[in-house]
Structures are given as structure tokens and as C-alpha cells.
Protein backbone atom coordinates (compact mmCIF):
# COMPACT_ATOMS: atom_id res chain seq x y z
CA UNK A 1 -35.68 -3.39 -12.35
CA UNK A 2 -32.96 -4.60 -14.69
CA UNK A 3 -32.19 -8.27 -14.51
CA UNK A 4 -28.43 -8.87 -14.29
CA UNK A 5 -27.03 -10.41 -17.47
CA UNK A 6 -24.94 -13.55 -17.15
CA UNK A 7 -23.11 -15.59 -19.77
CA UNK A 8 -22.74 -19.29 -18.86
CA UNK A 9 -20.12 -21.20 -20.88
CA UNK A 10 -19.84 -24.92 -20.25
CA UNK A 11 -19.52 -27.83 -22.68
CA UNK A 12 -21.44 -30.11 -20.29
CA UNK A 13 -25.05 -29.41 -21.22
CA UNK A 14 -26.47 -30.89 -17.99
CA UNK A 15 -24.39 -28.64 -15.75
CA UNK A 16 -25.01 -25.60 -17.96
CA UNK A 17 -28.77 -26.13 -18.09
CA UNK A 18 -28.98 -26.78 -14.33
CA UNK A 19 -27.15 -23.52 -13.55
CA UNK A 20 -29.11 -21.58 -16.18
CA UNK A 21 -32.47 -22.81 -14.87
CA UNK A 22 -31.61 -22.06 -11.25
CA UNK A 23 -30.23 -18.60 -12.03
CA UNK A 24 -33.15 -17.67 -14.30
CA UNK A 25 -35.45 -18.44 -11.36
CA UNK A 26 -33.30 -16.07 -9.27
CA UNK A 27 -33.80 -13.24 -11.75
CA UNK A 28 -30.75 -13.46 -14.00
CA UNK A 29 -30.95 -12.84 -17.75
CA UNK A 30 -29.04 -15.90 -18.98
CA UNK A 31 -27.19 -16.49 -22.23
CA UNK A 32 -25.78 -19.99 -22.67
CA UNK A 33 -22.86 -21.16 -24.79
CA UNK A 34 -21.53 -24.70 -25.21
CA UNK A 35 -18.00 -23.61 -26.15
CA UNK A 36 -15.61 -20.70 -26.08
CA UNK A 37 -16.17 -20.16 -29.77
CA UNK A 38 -19.97 -20.04 -29.29
CA UNK A 39 -19.54 -17.61 -26.39
CA UNK A 40 -17.49 -15.21 -28.50
CA UNK A 41 -20.01 -15.45 -31.34
CA UNK A 42 -22.90 -14.30 -29.10
CA UNK A 43 -21.05 -11.99 -26.71
CA UNK A 44 -21.25 -8.84 -28.84
CA UNK A 45 -25.04 -9.09 -28.88
CA UNK A 46 -25.44 -9.65 -25.11
CA UNK A 47 -22.40 -7.79 -23.68
CA UNK A 48 -22.89 -9.38 -20.28
CA UNK A 49 -21.04 -7.89 -17.30
CA UNK A 50 -20.88 -11.34 -15.65
CA UNK A 51 -19.73 -14.75 -16.85
CA UNK A 52 -19.49 -18.29 -15.52
CA UNK A 53 -16.77 -20.05 -17.52
CA UNK A 54 -15.77 -23.70 -17.45
CA UNK A 55 -11.97 -23.94 -17.46
CA UNK A 56 -11.71 -27.24 -19.33
CA UNK A 57 -13.54 -27.38 -22.65
CA UNK A 58 -12.66 -28.86 -26.03
CA UNK A 59 -11.35 -26.31 -28.51
CA UNK A 60 -10.92 -22.98 -26.79
CA UNK A 61 -10.42 -23.55 -23.06
CA UNK A 62 -11.69 -21.25 -20.31
CA UNK A 63 -8.35 -19.49 -19.92
CA UNK A 64 -8.23 -18.44 -23.56
CA UNK A 65 -11.91 -17.46 -23.53
CA UNK A 66 -11.39 -15.31 -20.44
CA UNK A 67 -8.52 -13.47 -22.16
CA UNK A 68 -10.64 -12.82 -25.26
CA UNK A 69 -13.69 -11.68 -23.29
CA UNK A 70 -11.54 -9.25 -21.28
CA UNK A 71 -10.20 -7.82 -24.55
CA UNK A 72 -13.80 -7.12 -25.60
CA UNK A 73 -14.98 -5.98 -22.15
CA UNK A 74 -12.19 -5.22 -19.67
CA UNK A 75 -14.80 -4.76 -16.94
CA UNK A 76 -16.35 -8.24 -17.19
CA UNK A 77 -16.35 -10.15 -13.92
CA UNK A 78 -15.88 -13.87 -14.53
CA UNK A 79 -16.22 -16.76 -12.15
CA UNK A 80 -14.40 -19.80 -13.47
CA UNK A 81 -15.56 -23.35 -12.93
CA UNK A 82 -12.92 -26.01 -12.50
CA UNK A 83 -13.52 -29.72 -12.04
CA UNK A 84 -10.11 -30.15 -10.53
CA UNK A 85 -10.33 -27.67 -7.69
CA UNK A 86 -6.59 -27.21 -7.84
CA UNK A 87 -5.06 -24.12 -6.37
CA UNK A 88 -2.86 -23.87 -9.46
CA UNK A 89 -5.74 -23.53 -11.94
CA UNK A 90 -7.55 -21.08 -9.66
CA UNK A 91 -4.44 -18.92 -9.30
CA UNK A 92 -3.91 -18.95 -13.08
CA UNK A 93 -7.50 -17.85 -13.66
CA UNK A 94 -7.24 -15.10 -11.04
CA UNK A 95 -4.05 -13.79 -12.66
CA UNK A 96 -5.96 -13.53 -15.93
CA UNK A 97 -8.58 -11.38 -14.26
CA UNK A 98 -11.17 -13.87 -13.03
CA UNK A 99 -13.17 -12.51 -10.11
CA UNK A 100 -13.42 -15.87 -8.33
CA UNK A 101 -13.69 -19.61 -8.92
CA UNK A 102 -15.85 -22.57 -7.96
CA UNK A 103 -15.27 -26.29 -8.23
CA UNK A 104 -17.48 -28.45 -10.42
CA UNK A 105 -20.02 -29.76 -10.05
CA UNK A 106 -21.47 -26.68 -8.36
CA UNK A 107 -23.26 -28.09 -5.35
CA UNK A 108 -23.58 -25.04 -3.09
CA UNK A 109 -25.93 -22.87 -5.14
CA UNK A 110 -26.20 -20.29 -2.36
CA UNK A 111 -22.42 -19.80 -2.53
CA UNK A 112 -22.74 -19.34 -6.30
CA UNK A 113 -25.44 -16.70 -5.79
CA UNK A 114 -23.32 -14.88 -3.23
CA UNK A 115 -20.28 -14.87 -5.52
CA UNK A 116 -22.38 -13.62 -8.44
CA UNK A 117 -23.84 -10.82 -6.31
CA UNK A 118 -20.35 -9.77 -5.24
CA UNK A 119 -19.07 -9.97 -8.81
CA UNK A 120 -21.99 -7.79 -10.00
CA UNK A 121 -21.20 -5.25 -7.27
CA UNK A 122 -17.53 -5.29 -8.29
CA UNK A 123 -18.52 -4.70 -11.91
CA UNK A 124 -20.65 -1.70 -10.92
CA UNK A 125 -17.77 -0.27 -8.86
CA UNK A 126 -15.25 -0.69 -11.66
CA UNK A 127 -17.57 0.81 -14.29
CA UNK A 128 -18.59 3.71 -11.99
CA UNK A 129 -14.93 4.40 -11.24
CA UNK A 130 -14.10 4.47 -14.95
CA UNK A 131 -16.99 6.85 -15.64
CA UNK A 132 -15.87 9.13 -12.79
CA UNK A 133 -12.28 9.09 -14.07
CA UNK A 134 -13.49 10.05 -17.53
CA UNK A 135 -15.61 12.87 -16.09
CA UNK A 136 -12.65 14.11 -14.08
CA UNK A 137 -10.45 13.99 -17.17
CA UNK A 138 -13.03 16.05 -19.07
CA UNK A 139 -13.21 18.58 -16.25
CA UNK A 140 -9.48 18.67 -15.56
CA UNK A 141 -7.29 18.39 -18.62
CA UNK A 142 -3.94 17.02 -17.54
CA UNK A 143 -2.14 20.35 -18.03
CA UNK A 144 -4.33 22.31 -15.56
CA UNK A 145 -4.63 20.63 -12.16
CA UNK A 146 -1.97 18.04 -11.54
CA UNK A 147 -1.47 15.69 -8.65
CA UNK A 148 -2.67 12.30 -7.57
CA UNK A 149 -2.59 12.68 -3.78
CA UNK A 150 -5.75 11.87 -1.83
CA UNK A 151 -6.20 15.59 -1.11
CA UNK A 152 -6.06 16.56 -4.80
CA UNK A 153 -8.40 13.69 -5.70
CA UNK A 154 -10.88 14.96 -3.09
CA UNK A 155 -10.65 18.51 -4.47
CA UNK A 156 -11.27 17.20 -8.01
CA UNK A 157 -14.23 15.18 -6.78
CA UNK A 158 -15.74 18.21 -5.03
CA UNK A 159 -15.25 20.34 -8.15
CA UNK A 160 -16.98 17.71 -10.30
CA UNK A 161 -19.96 17.82 -7.94
CA UNK A 162 -20.16 21.63 -7.75
CA UNK A 163 -19.13 22.64 -11.31
CA UNK A 164 -22.42 21.74 -13.05
CA UNK A 165 -24.45 23.67 -10.43
CA UNK A 166 -25.36 27.35 -10.49
CA UNK A 167 -23.94 28.17 -7.07
CA UNK A 168 -21.58 30.57 -5.36
CA UNK A 169 -18.48 28.90 -3.93
CA UNK A 170 -15.83 30.33 -1.63
CA UNK A 171 -12.36 28.97 -2.41
CA UNK A 172 -9.77 29.55 0.29
CA UNK A 173 -6.14 28.63 0.77
CA UNK A 174 -2.62 29.96 0.93
CA UNK A 175 -1.12 31.91 -1.96
CA UNK A 176 0.08 29.70 -4.83
CA UNK A 177 -2.07 26.66 -4.08
CA UNK A 178 -4.15 26.85 -7.26
CA UNK A 179 -7.32 28.61 -6.16
CA UNK A 180 -7.61 30.25 -9.60
CA UNK A 181 -7.30 26.88 -11.36
CA UNK A 182 -10.02 25.47 -9.12
CA UNK A 183 -12.25 28.47 -9.84
CA UNK A 184 -11.77 28.05 -13.61
CA UNK A 185 -12.56 24.35 -13.40
């Protein structure tokens, strides 16, 4: 089983090491960074789908780091850590694409685990959706089958499931609805 990768970025070594130790024991593959700059330096080698980012750090703050990480990996799910617990900083982080936030020091480790599990599930959903969209684009070039309605999306999904198979398929529908396009796809 693959251990979920997690990048922990916090300038407070005690907090970072406490979280890293706890999460390693829970099965996470942890990469630690003491600053935003350090995190960016190691990120290309670990390409973690999850991150815990302290909002307030010397040099590059958590907000700037989050922006840069999302440029590298738009699918990353980040949970930001804020010592202030203010709604304002949490809202700002969420607008930048953070999945969730926690106040520091992190005392409820079970809540942290739950948020990380949900963030990992969200990452899988987003990545799977992107892969499916790319497959659908390969199967249906934009000039052939057009439409974004739920019905058309369902037809495209069914075609993507059936197309690779060696099977006989009966396509029915009124004249002019695109049965021939579906058959070609």
C-alpha cells in the first residue's frame, strides 16, 4: 500500500517535528521544510499531493508558498496552520485554494488526521476527474460531439467505457440526434 505523501512547512521546529513524528506513526511519508524557500527547493523531488503550511513564517509566508505550490501542482490539497485563528486569515487562505485550516498549536490530532484523510480523498477526486476529462477529450475531439448537459456527459462517459471493448452495441434514438457520431466514437 502506498503511504500518502505529506509536506510539512513550519518554521517552528518543535511543532513541525511533533506533527511529523505523529503522522509518520500514522503511515504518512513526511517531508519537512523549515521555510517556504526550503519547501520549494525540495518539492520537485517529492511532489506531494498534501501539504501542511504555516501561514506566518519569516521570508516567504504561507500565502505566497501556497500560491507557488499551486503553480507547480494545481491539484495539491493544503491545510494551512494559523496561530491567530482569525476568520480573515482562514478566508484568505481558502480563496487561494487551501483545502482547510487549523489553528496552532495543533492540539486535536484526531481532527488533523480527519482533515488530512478528507484532503487526500479530495486530491484523488480532482486528479481522477482531470484524467477522465483528458480521456474524454481524446475520445471526443471538440468538433465531433458537442454539449455539456448532464445527458451528453453521461453519453460520453458510457462511450468511454464501451469504446475500448470488443462488443456489439445497439445505439437508438430519434433521427438527427448523433447516433452516427456516437458509433464512430
